[in-house]
PDB file of N, CA and C in Angstrom:
ATOM      1  N   MET A   1      -9.887 -15.621  11.868  1.00  0.00           N
ATOM      2  CA  MET A   1      -8.618 -15.691  12.568  1.00  0.00           C
ATOM      3  C   MET A   1      -7.477 -15.460  11.580  1.00  0.00           C
ATOM      4  N   ASN A   2      -6.511 -14.616  11.961  1.00  0.00           N
ATOM      5  CA  ASN A   2      -5.341 -14.378  11.120  1.00  0.00           C
ATOM      6  C   ASN A   2      -4.408 -15.578  11.206  1.00  0.00           C
ATOM      7  N   GLU A   3      -3.768 -15.875  10.081  1.00  0.00           N
ATOM      8  CA  GLU A   3      -2.834 -16.994  10.112  1.00  0.00           C
ATOM      9  C   GLU A   3      -1.423 -16.482  10.377  1.00  0.00           C
ATOM     10  N   HIS A   4      -0.602 -17.357  10.881  1.00  0.00           N
ATOM     11  CA  HIS A   4       0.792 -17.021  11.183  1.00  0.00           C
ATOM     12  C   HIS A   4       1.490 -16.595   9.886  1.00  0.00           C
ATOM     13  N   PRO A   5       2.364 -15.582   9.935  1.00  0.00           N
ATOM     14  CA  PRO A   5       3.029 -15.105   8.723  1.00  0.00           C
ATOM     15  C   PRO A   5       3.890 -16.159   8.026  1.00  0.00           C
ATOM     16  N   ARG A   6       4.262 -17.226   8.714  1.00  0.00           N
ATOM     17  CA  ARG A   6       5.060 -18.264   8.050  1.00  0.00           C
ATOM     18  C   ARG A   6       4.305 -18.873   6.881  1.00  0.00           C
ATOM     19  N   HIS A   7       2.977 -18.784   6.911  1.00  0.00           N
ATOM     20  CA  HIS A   7       2.176 -19.329   5.813  1.00  0.00           C
ATOM     21  C   HIS A   7       2.302 -18.474   4.548  1.00  0.00           C
ATOM     22  N   GLN A   8       2.859 -17.277   4.701  1.00  0.00           N
ATOM     23  CA  GLN A   8       3.065 -16.395   3.556  1.00  0.00           C
ATOM     24  C   GLN A   8       4.454 -16.547   2.939  1.00  0.00           C
ATOM     25  N   LEU A   9       5.302 -17.357   3.560  1.00  0.00           N
ATOM     26  CA  LEU A   9       6.634 -17.579   2.997  1.00  0.00           C
ATOM     27  C   LEU A   9       6.512 -18.333   1.679  1.00  0.00           C
ATOM     28  N   ASP A  10       7.317 -17.939   0.716  1.00  0.00           N
ATOM     29  CA  ASP A  10       7.296 -18.540  -0.614  1.00  0.00           C
ATOM     30  C   ASP A  10       8.263 -19.722  -0.641  1.00  0.00           C
ATOM     31  N   GLY A  11       7.753 -20.914  -0.858  1.00  0.00           N
ATOM     32  CA  GLY A  11       8.571 -22.124  -0.858  1.00  0.00           C
ATOM     33  C   GLY A  11       9.664 -22.126  -1.907  1.00  0.00           C
ATOM     34  N   VAL A  12       9.419 -21.478  -3.033  1.00  0.00           N
ATOM     35  CA  VAL A  12      10.430 -21.429  -4.089  1.00  0.00           C
ATOM     36  C   VAL A  12      11.574 -20.514  -3.664  1.00  0.00           C
ATOM     37  N   ILE A  13      11.258 -19.370  -3.122  1.00  0.00           N
ATOM     38  CA  ILE A  13      12.278 -18.395  -2.740  1.00  0.00           C
ATOM     39  C   ILE A  13      12.936 -18.747  -1.410  1.00  0.00           C
ATOM     40  N   HIS A  14      12.249 -19.457  -0.556  1.00  0.00           N
ATOM     41  CA  HIS A  14      12.730 -19.687   0.807  1.00  0.00           C
ATOM     42  C   HIS A  14      14.041 -20.458   0.886  1.00  0.00           C
ATOM     43  N   ALA A  15      14.315 -21.332  -0.057  1.00  0.00           N
ATOM     44  CA  ALA A  15      15.578 -22.087  -0.044  1.00  0.00           C
ATOM     45  C   ALA A  15      16.742 -21.095  -0.056  1.00  0.00           C
ATOM     46  N   PRO A  16      17.738 -21.285   0.813  1.00  0.00           N
ATOM     47  CA  PRO A  16      18.804 -20.287   0.974  1.00  0.00           C
ATOM     48  C   PRO A  16      19.491 -19.843  -0.319  1.00  0.00           C
ATOM     49  N   VAL A  17      19.810 -20.772  -1.201  1.00  0.00           N
ATOM     50  CA  VAL A  17      20.502 -20.381  -2.435  1.00  0.00           C
ATOM     51  C   VAL A  17      19.561 -19.594  -3.342  1.00  0.00           C
ATOM     52  N   ARG A  18      18.323 -20.050  -3.488  1.00  0.00           N
ATOM     53  CA  ARG A  18      17.380 -19.313  -4.341  1.00  0.00           C
ATOM     54  C   ARG A  18      17.066 -17.944  -3.748  1.00  0.00           C
ATOM     55  N   PHE A  19      16.966 -17.855  -2.430  1.00  0.00           N
ATOM     56  CA  PHE A  19      16.748 -16.570  -1.771  1.00  0.00           C
ATOM     57  C   PHE A  19      17.928 -15.637  -2.069  1.00  0.00           C
ATOM     58  N   SER A  20      19.141 -16.159  -2.002  1.00  0.00           N
ATOM     59  CA  SER A  20      20.345 -15.362  -2.283  1.00  0.00           C
ATOM     60  C   SER A  20      20.368 -14.884  -3.726  1.00  0.00           C
ATOM     61  N   ILE A  21      19.967 -15.729  -4.652  1.00  0.00           N
ATOM     62  CA  ILE A  21      19.916 -15.356  -6.070  1.00  0.00           C
ATOM     63  C   ILE A  21      18.885 -14.247  -6.275  1.00  0.00           C
ATOM     64  N   ALA A  22      17.692 -14.440  -5.744  1.00  0.00           N
ATOM     65  CA  ALA A  22      16.627 -13.441  -5.891  1.00  0.00           C
ATOM     66  C   ALA A  22      17.045 -12.113  -5.276  1.00  0.00           C
ATOM     67  N   ALA A  23      17.659 -12.162  -4.110  1.00  0.00           N
ATOM     68  CA  ALA A  23      18.102 -10.933  -3.444  1.00  0.00           C
ATOM     69  C   ALA A  23      19.175 -10.226  -4.272  1.00  0.00           C
ATOM     70  N   ALA A  24      20.100 -10.980  -4.834  1.00  0.00           N
ATOM     71  CA  ALA A  24      21.147 -10.382  -5.668  1.00  0.00           C
ATOM     72  C   ALA A  24      20.549  -9.736  -6.910  1.00  0.00           C
ATOM     73  N   LEU A  25      19.582 -10.401  -7.526  1.00  0.00           N
ATOM     74  CA  LEU A  25      18.962  -9.860  -8.737  1.00  0.00           C
ATOM     75  C   LEU A  25      18.031  -8.690  -8.450  1.00  0.00           C
ATOM     76  N   ALA A  26      17.541  -8.584  -7.229  1.00  0.00           N
ATOM     77  CA  ALA A  26      16.623  -7.494  -6.873  1.00  0.00           C
ATOM     78  C   ALA A  26      17.316  -6.140  -6.893  1.00  0.00           C
ATOM     79  N   THR A  27      18.641  -6.127  -6.803  1.00  0.00           N
ATOM     80  CA  THR A  27      19.374  -4.868  -6.738  1.00  0.00           C
ATOM     81  C   THR A  27      19.812  -4.349  -8.106  1.00  0.00           C
ATOM     82  N   VAL A  28      19.542  -5.114  -9.158  1.00  0.00           N
ATOM     83  CA  VAL A  28      19.991  -4.738 -10.510  1.00  0.00           C
ATOM     84  C   VAL A  28      18.869  -5.001 -11.514  1.00  0.00           C
ATOM     85  N   ASP A  29      18.995  -4.387 -12.680  1.00  0.00           N
ATOM     86  CA  ASP A  29      18.037  -4.681 -13.753  1.00  0.00           C
ATOM     87  C   ASP A  29      18.309  -6.056 -14.351  1.00  0.00           C
ATOM     88  N   GLU A  30      19.590  -6.364 -14.510  1.00  0.00           N
ATOM     89  CA  GLU A  30      20.008  -7.619 -15.126  1.00  0.00           C
ATOM     90  C   GLU A  30      21.441  -7.886 -14.681  1.00  0.00           C
ATOM     91  N   ALA A  31      21.808  -9.156 -14.563  1.00  0.00           N
ATOM     92  CA  ALA A  31      23.178  -9.505 -14.168  1.00  0.00           C
ATOM     93  C   ALA A  31      23.665 -10.683 -14.992  1.00  0.00           C
ATOM     94  N   GLU A  32      24.938 -10.666 -15.284  1.00  0.00           N
ATOM     95  CA  GLU A  32      25.540 -11.786 -15.997  1.00  0.00           C
ATOM     96  C   GLU A  32      25.616 -12.991 -15.060  1.00  0.00           C
ATOM     97  N   PHE A  33      25.394 -14.158 -15.616  1.00  0.00           N
ATOM     98  CA  PHE A  33      25.396 -15.427 -14.878  1.00  0.00           C
ATOM     99  C   PHE A  33      26.620 -15.522 -13.973  1.00  0.00           C
ATOM    100  N   ALA A  34      27.803 -15.258 -14.535  1.00  0.00           N
ATOM    101  CA  ALA A  34      29.049 -15.403 -13.769  1.00  0.00           C
ATOM    102  C   ALA A  34      29.091 -14.450 -12.579  1.00  0.00           C
ATOM    103  N   ALA A  35      28.541 -13.257 -12.725  1.00  0.00           N
ATOM    104  CA  ALA A  35      28.528 -12.299 -11.619  1.00  0.00           C
ATOM    105  C   ALA A  35      27.636 -12.803 -10.487  1.00  0.00           C
ATOM    106  N   VAL A  36      26.486 -13.361 -10.834  1.00  0.00           N
ATOM    107  CA  VAL A  36      25.587 -13.911  -9.817  1.00  0.00           C
ATOM    108  C   VAL A  36      26.244 -15.110  -9.143  1.00  0.00           C
ATOM    109  N   ARG A  37      26.870 -15.952  -9.937  1.00  0.00           N
ATOM    110  CA  ARG A  37      27.581 -17.113  -9.388  1.00  0.00           C
ATOM    111  C   ARG A  37      28.609 -16.676  -8.355  1.00  0.00           C
ATOM    112  N   ASP A  38      29.363 -15.636  -8.676  1.00  0.00           N
ATOM    113  CA  ASP A  38      30.413 -15.173  -7.770  1.00  0.00           C
ATOM    114  C   ASP A  38      29.832 -14.542  -6.507  1.00  0.00           C
ATOM    115  N   VAL A  39      28.772 -13.773  -6.638  1.00  0.00           N
ATOM    116  CA  VAL A  39      28.147 -13.125  -5.481  1.00  0.00           C
ATOM    117  C   VAL A  39      27.548 -14.168  -4.541  1.00  0.00           C
ATOM    118  N   VAL A  40      26.874 -15.163  -5.114  1.00  0.00           N
ATOM    119  CA  VAL A  40      26.200 -16.182  -4.305  1.00  0.00           C
ATOM    120  C   VAL A  40      27.189 -17.264  -3.840  1.00  0.00           C
ATOM    121  N   GLN A  41      28.340 -17.315  -4.482  1.00  0.00           N
ATOM    122  CA  GLN A  41      29.418 -18.245  -4.131  1.00  0.00           C
ATOM    123  C   GLN A  41      29.001 -19.709  -4.272  1.00  0.00           C
ATOM    124  N   ILE A  42      28.546 -20.050  -5.482  1.00  0.00           N
ATOM    125  CA  ILE A  42      28.214 -21.435  -5.800  1.00  0.00           C
ATOM    126  C   ILE A  42      28.797 -21.777  -7.167  1.00  0.00           C
ATOM    127  N   SER A  43      28.731 -23.046  -7.512  1.00  0.00           N
ATOM    128  CA  SER A  43      29.258 -23.505  -8.799  1.00  0.00           C
ATOM    129  C   SER A  43      28.293 -23.158  -9.926  1.00  0.00           C
ATOM    130  N   ASP A  44      28.801 -23.220 -11.148  1.00  0.00           N
ATOM    131  CA  ASP A  44      27.955 -22.989 -12.322  1.00  0.00           C
ATOM    132  C   ASP A  44      26.773 -23.949 -12.341  1.00  0.00           C
ATOM    133  N   SER A  45      27.048 -25.230 -12.078  1.00  0.00           N
ATOM    134  CA  SER A  45      25.975 -26.221 -12.164  1.00  0.00           C
ATOM    135  C   SER A  45      24.924 -25.995 -11.077  1.00  0.00           C
ATOM    136  N   ALA A  46      25.350 -25.628  -9.881  1.00  0.00           N
ATOM    137  CA  ALA A  46      24.383 -25.362  -8.802  1.00  0.00           C
ATOM    138  C   ALA A  46      23.536 -24.137  -9.133  1.00  0.00           C
ATOM    139  N   LEU A  47      24.178 -23.085  -9.669  1.00  0.00           N
ATOM    140  CA  LEU A  47      23.428 -21.886 -10.047  1.00  0.00           C
ATOM    141  C   LEU A  47      22.445 -22.207 -11.161  1.00  0.00           C
ATOM    142  N   SER A  48      22.888 -22.966 -12.141  1.00  0.00           N
ATOM    143  CA  SER A  48      22.025 -23.331 -13.256  1.00  0.00           C
ATOM    144  C   SER A  48      20.777 -24.073 -12.773  1.00  0.00           C
ATOM    145  N   LYS A  49      20.962 -25.008 -11.866  1.00  0.00           N
ATOM    146  CA  LYS A  49      19.839 -25.782 -11.333  1.00  0.00           C
ATOM    147  C   LYS A  49      18.850 -24.875 -10.597  1.00  0.00           C
ATOM    148  N   GLN A  50      19.370 -23.994  -9.749  1.00  0.00           N
ATOM    149  CA  GLN A  50      18.491 -23.122  -8.969  1.00  0.00           C
ATOM    150  C   GLN A  50      17.805 -22.075  -9.850  1.00  0.00           C
ATOM    151  N   VAL A  51      18.509 -21.584 -10.862  1.00  0.00           N
ATOM    152  CA  VAL A  51      17.905 -20.631 -11.800  1.00  0.00           C
ATOM    153  C   VAL A  51      16.779 -21.318 -12.570  1.00  0.00           C
ATOM    154  N   SER A  52      16.955 -22.570 -12.922  1.00  0.00           N
ATOM    155  CA  SER A  52      15.895 -23.309 -13.616  1.00  0.00           C
ATOM    156  C   SER A  52      14.630 -23.380 -12.769  1.00  0.00           C
ATOM    157  N   THR A  53      14.793 -23.608 -11.476  1.00  0.00           N
ATOM    158  CA  THR A  53      13.638 -23.642 -10.574  1.00  0.00           C
ATOM    159  C   THR A  53      12.968 -22.274 -10.516  1.00  0.00           C
ATOM    160  N   LEU A  54      13.765 -21.214 -10.374  1.00  0.00           N
ATOM    161  CA  LEU A  54      13.210 -19.860 -10.327  1.00  0.00           C
ATOM    162  C   LEU A  54      12.553 -19.477 -11.653  1.00  0.00           C
ATOM    163  N   GLU A  55      13.162 -19.884 -12.749  1.00  0.00           N
ATOM    164  CA  GLU A  55      12.594 -19.603 -14.070  1.00  0.00           C
ATOM    165  C   GLU A  55      11.275 -20.355 -14.243  1.00  0.00           C
ATOM    166  N   GLY A  56      11.222 -21.596 -13.798  1.00  0.00           N
ATOM    167  CA  GLY A  56      10.000 -22.392 -13.893  1.00  0.00           C
ATOM    168  C   GLY A  56       8.849 -21.775 -13.116  1.00  0.00           C
ATOM    169  N   ALA A  57       9.173 -21.082 -12.026  1.00  0.00           N
ATOM    170  CA  ALA A  57       8.140 -20.410 -11.220  1.00  0.00           C
ATOM    171  C   ALA A  57       7.768 -19.051 -11.808  1.00  0.00           C
ATOM    172  N   GLY A  58       8.483 -18.630 -12.844  1.00  0.00           N
ATOM    173  CA  GLY A  58       8.214 -17.324 -13.449  1.00  0.00           C
ATOM    174  C   GLY A  58       8.885 -16.175 -12.723  1.00  0.00           C
ATOM    175  N   TYR A  59       9.846 -16.484 -11.855  1.00  0.00           N
ATOM    176  CA  TYR A  59      10.491 -15.451 -11.034  1.00  0.00           C
ATOM    177  C   TYR A  59      11.747 -14.870 -11.670  1.00  0.00           C
ATOM    178  N   VAL A  60      12.389 -15.638 -12.543  1.00  0.00           N
ATOM    179  CA  VAL A  60      13.619 -15.189 -13.186  1.00  0.00           C
ATOM    180  C   VAL A  60      13.499 -15.402 -14.693  1.00  0.00           C
ATOM    181  N   ALA A  61      13.987 -14.417 -15.447  1.00  0.00           N
ATOM    182  CA  ALA A  61      14.059 -14.537 -16.901  1.00  0.00           C
ATOM    183  C   ALA A  61      15.520 -14.719 -17.285  1.00  0.00           C
ATOM    184  N   VAL A  62      15.763 -15.585 -18.254  1.00  0.00           N
ATOM    185  CA  VAL A  62      17.112 -15.897 -18.709  1.00  0.00           C
ATOM    186  C   VAL A  62      17.245 -15.427 -20.149  1.00  0.00           C
ATOM    187  N   ARG A  63      18.321 -14.690 -20.415  1.00  0.00           N
ATOM    188  CA  ARG A  63      18.591 -14.223 -21.778  1.00  0.00           C
ATOM    189  C   ARG A  63      19.983 -14.684 -22.163  1.00  0.00           C
ATOM    190  N   LYS A  64      20.075 -15.299 -23.338  1.00  0.00           N
ATOM    191  CA  LYS A  64      21.369 -15.780 -23.826  1.00  0.00           C
ATOM    192  C   LYS A  64      21.793 -14.949 -25.027  1.00  0.00           C
ATOM    193  N   GLY A  65      23.082 -14.729 -25.128  1.00  0.00           N
ATOM    194  CA  GLY A  65      23.618 -13.954 -26.241  1.00  0.00           C
ATOM    195  C   GLY A  65      25.117 -14.133 -26.309  1.00  0.00           C
ATOM    196  N   PHE A  66      25.756 -13.245 -27.035  1.00  0.00           N
ATOM    197  CA  PHE A  66      27.204 -13.314 -27.209  1.00  0.00           C
ATOM    198  C   PHE A  66      27.822 -11.964 -26.913  1.00  0.00           C
ATOM    199  N   VAL A  67      29.006 -11.997 -26.363  1.00  0.00           N
ATOM    200  CA  VAL A  67      29.867 -10.826 -26.253  1.00  0.00           C
ATOM    201  C   VAL A  67      31.071 -11.176 -27.101  1.00  0.00           C
ATOM    202  N   GLY A  68      31.131 -10.559 -28.270  1.00  0.00           N
ATOM    203  CA  GLY A  68      32.115 -10.994 -29.258  1.00  0.00           C
ATOM    204  C   GLY A  68      31.709 -12.380 -29.712  1.00  0.00           C
ATOM    205  N   LYS A  69      32.617 -13.328 -29.609  1.00  0.00           N
ATOM    206  CA  LYS A  69      32.300 -14.700 -30.001  1.00  0.00           C
ATOM    207  C   LYS A  69      32.025 -15.590 -28.792  1.00  0.00           C
ATOM    208  N   ARG A  70      32.023 -14.990 -27.610  1.00  0.00           N
ATOM    209  CA  ARG A  70      31.831 -15.783 -26.393  1.00  0.00           C
ATOM    210  C   ARG A  70      30.365 -15.772 -25.954  1.00  0.00           C
ATOM    211  N   PRO A  71      29.808 -16.960 -25.717  1.00  0.00           N
ATOM    212  CA  PRO A  71      28.421 -17.010 -25.249  1.00  0.00           C
ATOM    213  C   PRO A  71      28.301 -16.473 -23.826  1.00  0.00           C
ATOM    214  N   ARG A  72      27.215 -15.775 -23.574  1.00  0.00           N
ATOM    215  CA  ARG A  72      26.948 -15.230 -22.245  1.00  0.00           C
ATOM    216  C   ARG A  72      25.489 -15.481 -21.894  1.00  0.00           C
ATOM    217  N   THR A  73      25.220 -15.533 -20.593  1.00  0.00           N
ATOM    218  CA  THR A  73      23.858 -15.684 -20.092  1.00  0.00           C
ATOM    219  C   THR A  73      23.618 -14.574 -19.083  1.00  0.00           C
ATOM    220  N   TRP A  74      22.472 -13.901 -19.230  1.00  0.00           N
ATOM    221  CA  TRP A  74      22.087 -12.848 -18.304  1.00  0.00           C
ATOM    222  C   TRP A  74      20.803 -13.252 -17.590  1.00  0.00           C
ATOM    223  N   LEU A  75      20.696 -12.845 -16.347  1.00  0.00           N
ATOM    224  CA  LEU A  75      19.543 -13.176 -15.511  1.00  0.00           C
ATOM    225  C   LEU A  75      18.888 -11.889 -15.037  1.00  0.00           C
ATOM    226  N   ARG A  76      17.568 -11.925 -14.924  1.00  0.00           N
ATOM    227  CA  ARG A  76      16.869 -10.791 -14.320  1.00  0.00           C
ATOM    228  C   ARG A  76      15.667 -11.309 -13.554  1.00  0.00           C
ATOM    229  N   LEU A  77      15.332 -10.600 -12.497  1.00  0.00           N
ATOM    230  CA  LEU A  77      14.153 -10.913 -11.709  1.00  0.00           C
ATOM    231  C   LEU A  77      12.950 -10.344 -12.444  1.00  0.00           C
ATOM    232  N   THR A  78      11.944 -11.153 -12.681  1.00  0.00           N
ATOM    233  CA  THR A  78      10.745 -10.685 -13.369  1.00  0.00           C
ATOM    234  C   THR A  78       9.886  -9.848 -12.413  1.00  0.00           C
ATOM    235  N   ARG A  79       8.890  -9.190 -12.948  1.00  0.00           N
ATOM    236  CA  ARG A  79       7.953  -8.438 -12.115  1.00  0.00           C
ATOM    237  C   ARG A  79       7.310  -9.370 -11.084  1.00  0.00           C
ATOM    238  N   GLN A  80       6.934 -10.556 -11.538  1.00  0.00           N
ATOM    239  CA  GLN A  80       6.347 -11.561 -10.645  1.00  0.00           C
ATOM    240  C   GLN A  80       7.358 -11.978  -9.572  1.00  0.00           C
ATOM    241  N   GLY A  81       8.612 -12.131  -9.952  1.00  0.00           N
ATOM    242  CA  GLY A  81       9.651 -12.503  -9.006  1.00  0.00           C
ATOM    243  C   GLY A  81       9.904 -11.419  -7.969  1.00  0.00           C
ATOM    244  N   ARG A  82       9.884 -10.159  -8.412  1.00  0.00           N
ATOM    245  CA  ARG A  82      10.070  -9.047  -7.469  1.00  0.00           C
ATOM    246  C   ARG A  82       8.923  -9.002  -6.460  1.00  0.00           C
ATOM    247  N   ALA A  83       7.711  -9.212  -6.941  1.00  0.00           N
ATOM    248  CA  ALA A  83       6.551  -9.201  -6.042  1.00  0.00           C
ATOM    249  C   ALA A  83       6.624 -10.362  -5.053  1.00  0.00           C
ATOM    250  N   ALA A  84       7.015 -11.537  -5.530  1.00  0.00           N
ATOM    251  CA  ALA A  84       7.129 -12.705  -4.655  1.00  0.00           C
ATOM    252  C   ALA A  84       8.206 -12.485  -3.600  1.00  0.00           C
ATOM    253  N   LEU A  85       9.331 -11.907  -4.009  1.00  0.00           N
ATOM    254  CA  LEU A  85      10.403 -11.635  -3.055  1.00  0.00           C
ATOM    255  C   LEU A  85       9.934 -10.634  -2.005  1.00  0.00           C
ATOM    256  N   GLU A  86       9.228  -9.599  -2.420  1.00  0.00           N
ATOM    257  CA  GLU A  86       8.755  -8.597  -1.458  1.00  0.00           C
ATOM    258  C   GLU A  86       7.759  -9.210  -0.466  1.00  0.00           C
ATOM    259  N   ARG A  87       6.852 -10.057  -0.954  1.00  0.00           N
ATOM    260  CA  ARG A  87       5.908 -10.733  -0.043  1.00  0.00           C
ATOM    261  C   ARG A  87       6.659 -11.628   0.944  1.00  0.00           C
ATOM    262  N   HIS A  88       7.657 -12.328   0.437  1.00  0.00           N
ATOM    263  CA  HIS A  88       8.455 -13.216   1.275  1.00  0.00           C
ATOM    264  C   HIS A  88       9.191 -12.409   2.348  1.00  0.00           C
ATOM    265  N   LEU A  89       9.808 -11.306   1.938  1.00  0.00           N
ATOM    266  CA  LEU A  89      10.521 -10.450   2.885  1.00  0.00           C
ATOM    267  C   LEU A  89       9.580  -9.870   3.938  1.00  0.00           C
ATOM    268  N   GLU A  90       8.394  -9.479   3.521  1.00  0.00           N
ATOM    269  CA  GLU A  90       7.419  -8.935   4.472  1.00  0.00           C
ATOM    270  C   GLU A  90       7.018  -9.999   5.493  1.00  0.00           C
ATOM    271  N   ALA A  91       6.835 -11.228   5.051  1.00  0.00           N
ATOM    272  CA  ALA A  91       6.508 -12.311   5.982  1.00  0.00           C
ATOM    273  C   ALA A  91       7.656 -12.531   6.962  1.00  0.00           C
ATOM    274  N   LEU A  92       8.903 -12.503   6.470  1.00  0.00           N
ATOM    275  CA  LEU A  92      10.060 -12.651   7.353  1.00  0.00           C
ATOM    276  C   LEU A  92      10.114 -11.515   8.375  1.00  0.00           C
ATOM    277  N   ARG A  93       9.844 -10.273   7.916  1.00  0.00           N
ATOM    278  CA  ARG A  93       9.832  -9.135   8.841  1.00  0.00           C
ATOM    279  C   ARG A  93       8.794  -9.321   9.930  1.00  0.00           C
ATOM    280  N   ARG A  94       7.597  -9.748   9.532  1.00  0.00           N
ATOM    281  CA  ARG A  94       6.521  -9.946  10.509  1.00  0.00           C
ATOM    282  C   ARG A  94       6.896 -11.018  11.526  1.00  0.00           C
ATOM    283  N   ILE A  95       7.516 -12.090  11.061  1.00  0.00           N
ATOM    284  CA  ILE A  95       7.951 -13.141  11.976  1.00  0.00           C
ATOM    285  C   ILE A  95       9.022 -12.607  12.921  1.00  0.00           C
ATOM    286  N   ALA A  96      10.025 -11.915  12.354  1.00  0.00           N
ATOM    287  CA  ALA A  96      11.138 -11.403  13.164  1.00  0.00           C
ATOM    288  C   ALA A  96      10.670 -10.370  14.191  1.00  0.00           C
ATOM    289  N   GLU A  97       9.656  -9.604  13.844  1.00  0.00           N
ATOM    290  CA  GLU A  97       9.138  -8.559  14.743  1.00  0.00           C
ATOM    291  C   GLU A  97       8.100  -9.109  15.716  1.00  0.00           C
ATOM    292  N   GLY A  98       7.813 -10.397  15.610  1.00  0.00           N
ATOM    293  CA  GLY A  98       6.842 -10.998  16.515  1.00  0.00           C
ATOM    294  C   GLY A  98       5.402 -10.626  16.201  1.00  0.00           C
ATOM    295  N   LYS A  99       5.160 -10.201  14.973  1.00  0.00           N
ATOM    296  CA  LYS A  99       3.807  -9.820  14.558  1.00  0.00           C
ATOM    297  C   LYS A  99       3.050 -11.055  14.097  1.00  0.00           C
ATOM    298  N   THR A 100       2.619 -11.814  15.039  1.00  0.00           N
ATOM    299  CA  THR A 100       1.860 -13.033  14.753  1.00  0.00           C
ATOM    300  C   THR A 100       0.461 -12.876  15.324  1.00  0.00           C
ATOM    301  N   PRO A 101      -0.485 -13.678  14.857  1.00  0.00           N
ATOM    302  CA  PRO A 101      -1.853 -13.541  15.343  1.00  0.00           C
ATOM    303  C   PRO A 101      -1.980 -13.766  16.842  1.00  0.00           C
TER     304      PRO A 101
END
């Protein structure tokens, strides 16, 4: 018996803020922390917390460096993160299209 596509939803990505972060990063190779914060419209601390969860799952890589003397943080979706997002999106499509067992 086929299982309902909701069982394919990724619990890490499914949270609205983490889903928004992953979706924003899926469109670029890498993005500066502040740019992601502005696109997702959350505070630095909220973004930091959610990025930590995504990083812990292996979905986001964090790179720190400097631009001149100012510290900067860049985020990118890992190969594993891109695959997880695509699986999650496919499950959402199947649910939305009524493709259930």
